């Protein structure tokens, strides 16, 4: 499945250079198709769901050039946001990877709207503060929380009333938290613009 994603992304980049209108139309179609493949109600395998969501996460409105960053697809925001509350952990993981990509590109200068940034920040903050559900392993949940920390760090915003900074500080000071969680919290806290 991973090679299919790689081939799709390569072909999209080549198409963007030759025919921007066709590129836009294909991105729109891929968003529709992949959203269906990533939807747990259609019972595709976890690998199909994961890779479909990763394709959504990788789509661009404008592909990278030698002199510019890609502009991630703003139309993917809805699918990525919805993916965070999916009943399929592979979809949640792919959504986190995608949101992290968007956040890093935002940090590097390919700006997203304040509304989208605030929406993603609130959603991943909620994940960071959540308890591990019984359907998920603790290590899997912590991995997701560590990705949430990376996203919040990429946005650099300490949160309203320093809520993000305080949540990270709580993790750092929690002696029962895993070493990986505490180290990730230290790294994320150091990257916030305080």
Protein backbone atom coordinates (compact mmCIF):
# COMPACT_ATOMS: atom_id res chain seq x y z
CA UNK A 1 0.00 0.00 0.00
CA UNK A 2 2.85 2.39 0.83
CA UNK A 3 4.23 2.17 -2.70
CA UNK A 4 0.80 3.12 -4.09
CA UNK A 5 0.85 6.25 -1.92
CA UNK A 6 4.39 7.07 -3.05
CA UNK A 7 3.43 6.65 -6.71
CA UNK A 8 0.30 8.77 -6.33
CA UNK A 9 2.25 11.60 -4.71
CA UNK A 10 4.99 11.45 -7.37
CA UNK A 11 2.43 11.46 -10.18
CA UNK A 12 0.55 14.36 -8.62
CA UNK A 13 3.73 16.43 -8.42
CA UNK A 14 4.48 15.73 -12.10
CA UNK A 15 0.90 16.54 -13.10
CA UNK A 16 0.95 19.86 -11.21
CA UNK A 17 3.86 21.07 -13.32
CA UNK A 18 2.17 20.11 -16.59
CA UNK A 19 -1.50 20.79 -15.96
CA UNK A 20 -2.51 22.64 -12.74
CA UNK A 21 -6.25 22.37 -13.51
CA UNK A 22 -6.05 18.57 -13.83
CA UNK A 23 -3.97 18.47 -10.63
CA UNK A 24 -6.71 20.35 -8.74
CA UNK A 25 -9.43 18.09 -10.10
CA UNK A 26 -7.50 14.95 -9.19
CA UNK A 27 -6.81 16.24 -5.65
CA UNK A 28 -10.55 16.84 -5.24
CA UNK A 29 -11.36 13.31 -6.45
CA UNK A 30 -8.67 11.75 -4.24
CA UNK A 31 -10.11 13.53 -1.20
CA UNK A 32 -13.52 12.00 -1.92
CA UNK A 33 -12.25 8.50 -2.68
CA UNK A 34 -9.74 8.31 0.14
CA UNK A 35 -12.26 9.63 2.69
CA UNK A 36 -14.45 6.63 1.82
CA UNK A 37 -11.53 4.17 2.06
CA UNK A 38 -10.54 5.64 5.46
CA UNK A 39 -14.08 5.46 6.85
CA UNK A 40 -14.34 2.49 9.27
CA UNK A 41 -18.03 1.95 8.42
CA UNK A 42 -17.00 0.50 5.03
CA UNK A 43 -14.86 -2.19 6.71
CA UNK A 44 -11.71 -1.80 4.64
CA UNK A 45 -8.64 -3.31 6.27
CA UNK A 46 -6.71 -1.13 8.76
CA UNK A 47 -3.85 -0.88 6.23
CA UNK A 48 -6.20 0.50 3.55
CA UNK A 49 -7.75 2.95 6.04
CA UNK A 50 -4.32 4.13 7.20
CA UNK A 51 -2.90 4.61 3.71
CA UNK A 52 -6.02 6.34 2.44
CA UNK A 53 -5.81 8.82 5.32
CA UNK A 54 -2.08 9.28 4.67
CA UNK A 55 -2.83 10.15 1.05
CA UNK A 56 -5.31 12.78 2.27
CA UNK A 57 -2.66 14.09 4.66
CA UNK A 58 -0.11 14.35 1.84
CA UNK A 59 -2.25 16.21 -0.70
CA UNK A 60 -1.24 19.71 -1.71
CA UNK A 61 -3.08 22.62 -3.27
CA UNK A 62 0.26 23.60 -4.76
CA UNK A 63 3.20 21.22 -5.10
CA UNK A 64 6.72 22.12 -3.94
CA UNK A 65 9.15 23.61 -6.42
CA UNK A 66 12.90 24.16 -6.23
CA UNK A 67 12.19 27.58 -4.71
CA UNK A 68 8.98 27.11 -2.71
CA UNK A 69 7.37 24.92 -0.10
CA UNK A 70 4.28 22.92 -0.96
CA UNK A 71 0.96 24.44 0.04
CA UNK A 72 -0.91 21.63 1.83
CA UNK A 73 -4.49 21.04 0.74
CA UNK A 74 -6.90 23.16 2.75
CA UNK A 75 -9.65 20.80 1.57
CA UNK A 76 -7.96 18.02 3.58
CA UNK A 77 -8.55 19.85 6.88
CA UNK A 78 -12.03 18.38 7.40
CA UNK A 79 -10.90 14.79 6.85
CA UNK A 80 -7.86 15.22 9.09
CA UNK A 81 -9.95 16.79 11.85
CA UNK A 82 -12.61 14.07 11.60
CA UNK A 83 -9.89 11.43 11.56
CA UNK A 84 -8.80 12.41 15.08
CA UNK A 85 -12.09 11.11 16.46
CA UNK A 86 -12.25 8.00 14.27
CA UNK A 87 -12.97 4.63 15.84
CA UNK A 88 -10.05 3.29 13.79
CA UNK A 89 -6.69 3.88 15.46
CA UNK A 90 -4.84 3.64 12.11
CA UNK A 91 -6.93 6.58 10.87
CA UNK A 92 -6.18 8.55 14.05
CA UNK A 93 -2.45 7.86 13.63
CA UNK A 94 -2.48 8.91 9.95
CA UNK A 95 -4.42 12.06 10.87
CA UNK A 96 -1.83 12.96 13.49
CA UNK A 97 0.97 12.44 10.97
CA UNK A 98 -0.88 14.64 8.48
CA UNK A 99 -1.67 17.41 10.95
CA UNK A 100 1.97 17.38 12.04
CA UNK A 101 2.99 17.80 8.39
CA UNK A 102 0.62 20.76 8.02
CA UNK A 103 1.85 22.28 11.31
CA UNK A 104 5.51 21.93 10.31
CA UNK A 105 4.86 23.52 6.91
CA UNK A 106 2.98 26.31 8.71
CA UNK A 107 6.01 26.83 10.95
CA UNK A 108 8.27 26.96 7.89
CA UNK A 109 6.13 29.57 6.14
CA UNK A 110 3.35 27.78 4.26
CA UNK A 111 0.74 29.40 6.51
CA UNK A 112 -2.63 27.93 7.37
CA UNK A 113 -5.55 30.05 8.50
CA UNK A 114 -5.83 31.01 12.17
CA UNK A 115 -9.17 29.19 12.27
CA UNK A 116 -7.63 25.90 11.07
CA UNK A 117 -4.63 26.28 13.38
CA UNK A 118 -6.91 26.89 16.39
CA UNK A 119 -9.18 23.98 15.44
CA UNK A 120 -6.25 21.54 15.14
CA UNK A 121 -4.59 22.90 18.30
CA UNK A 122 -7.77 22.38 20.33
CA UNK A 123 -8.28 18.86 18.96
CA UNK A 124 -4.75 17.65 19.65
CA UNK A 125 -4.74 19.36 23.06
CA UNK A 126 -7.87 17.35 23.89
CA UNK A 127 -6.02 14.16 22.83
CA UNK A 128 -3.00 15.16 24.94
CA UNK A 129 -5.22 15.52 28.03
CA UNK A 130 -7.28 12.36 27.37
CA UNK A 131 -7.17 9.11 29.29
CA UNK A 132 -6.22 5.94 27.45
CA UNK A 133 -9.38 4.20 26.18
CA UNK A 134 -9.78 0.51 26.99
CA UNK A 135 -9.63 -0.35 23.27
CA UNK A 136 -6.06 1.01 22.94
CA UNK A 137 -2.75 0.01 24.49
CA UNK A 138 -1.11 2.52 26.83
CA UNK A 139 2.00 2.64 24.63
CA UNK A 140 -0.16 3.33 21.57
CA UNK A 141 -2.02 6.11 23.38
CA UNK A 142 1.23 7.65 24.58
CA UNK A 143 2.59 7.56 21.02
CA UNK A 144 -0.48 9.54 19.91
CA UNK A 145 -0.05 11.98 22.79
CA UNK A 146 3.61 12.48 21.87
CA UNK A 147 2.56 13.30 18.28
CA UNK A 148 0.05 15.78 19.75
CA UNK A 149 2.94 17.41 21.64
CA UNK A 150 4.95 17.67 18.42
CA UNK A 151 2.02 19.35 16.66
CA UNK A 152 1.49 21.83 19.49
CA UNK A 153 5.23 22.57 19.51
CA UNK A 154 5.22 23.16 15.75
CA UNK A 155 2.43 25.72 16.18
CA UNK A 156 4.49 27.26 19.00
CA UNK A 157 1.43 28.63 20.79
CA UNK A 158 1.44 28.20 24.60
CA UNK A 159 -2.36 28.22 24.51
CA UNK A 160 -5.01 30.39 26.07
CA UNK A 161 -3.95 31.10 29.63
CA UNK A 162 -0.79 29.07 28.89
CA UNK A 163 -2.93 25.88 28.90
CA UNK A 164 -0.58 24.00 26.56
CA UNK A 165 2.50 25.02 28.53
CA UNK A 166 0.81 24.01 31.81
CA UNK A 167 -0.25 20.61 30.40
CA UNK A 168 3.32 19.93 29.24
CA UNK A 169 4.68 21.04 32.60
CA UNK A 170 2.32 18.61 34.37
CA UNK A 171 3.66 15.73 32.27
CA UNK A 172 7.27 16.72 32.95
CA UNK A 173 6.66 16.82 36.71
CA UNK A 174 4.64 13.59 36.78
CA UNK A 175 7.05 10.95 38.08
CA UNK A 176 4.62 8.20 37.02
CA UNK A 177 4.71 9.32 33.37
CA UNK A 178 6.96 7.33 31.05
CA UNK A 179 10.41 8.67 30.25
CA UNK A 180 9.39 9.02 26.58
CA UNK A 181 6.37 11.16 27.55
CA UNK A 182 8.42 13.35 29.86
CA UNK A 183 11.20 13.86 27.30
CA UNK A 184 8.67 14.68 24.57
CA UNK A 185 7.02 17.20 26.89
CA UNK A 186 10.39 18.85 27.62
CA UNK A 187 11.13 19.12 23.92
CA UNK A 188 7.67 20.53 23.11
CA UNK A 189 7.77 23.03 25.97
CA UNK A 190 11.17 24.31 24.80
CA UNK A 191 9.69 25.06 21.37
CA UNK A 192 6.69 27.12 22.55
CA UNK A 193 6.87 30.86 21.98
CA UNK A 194 6.51 32.10 25.54
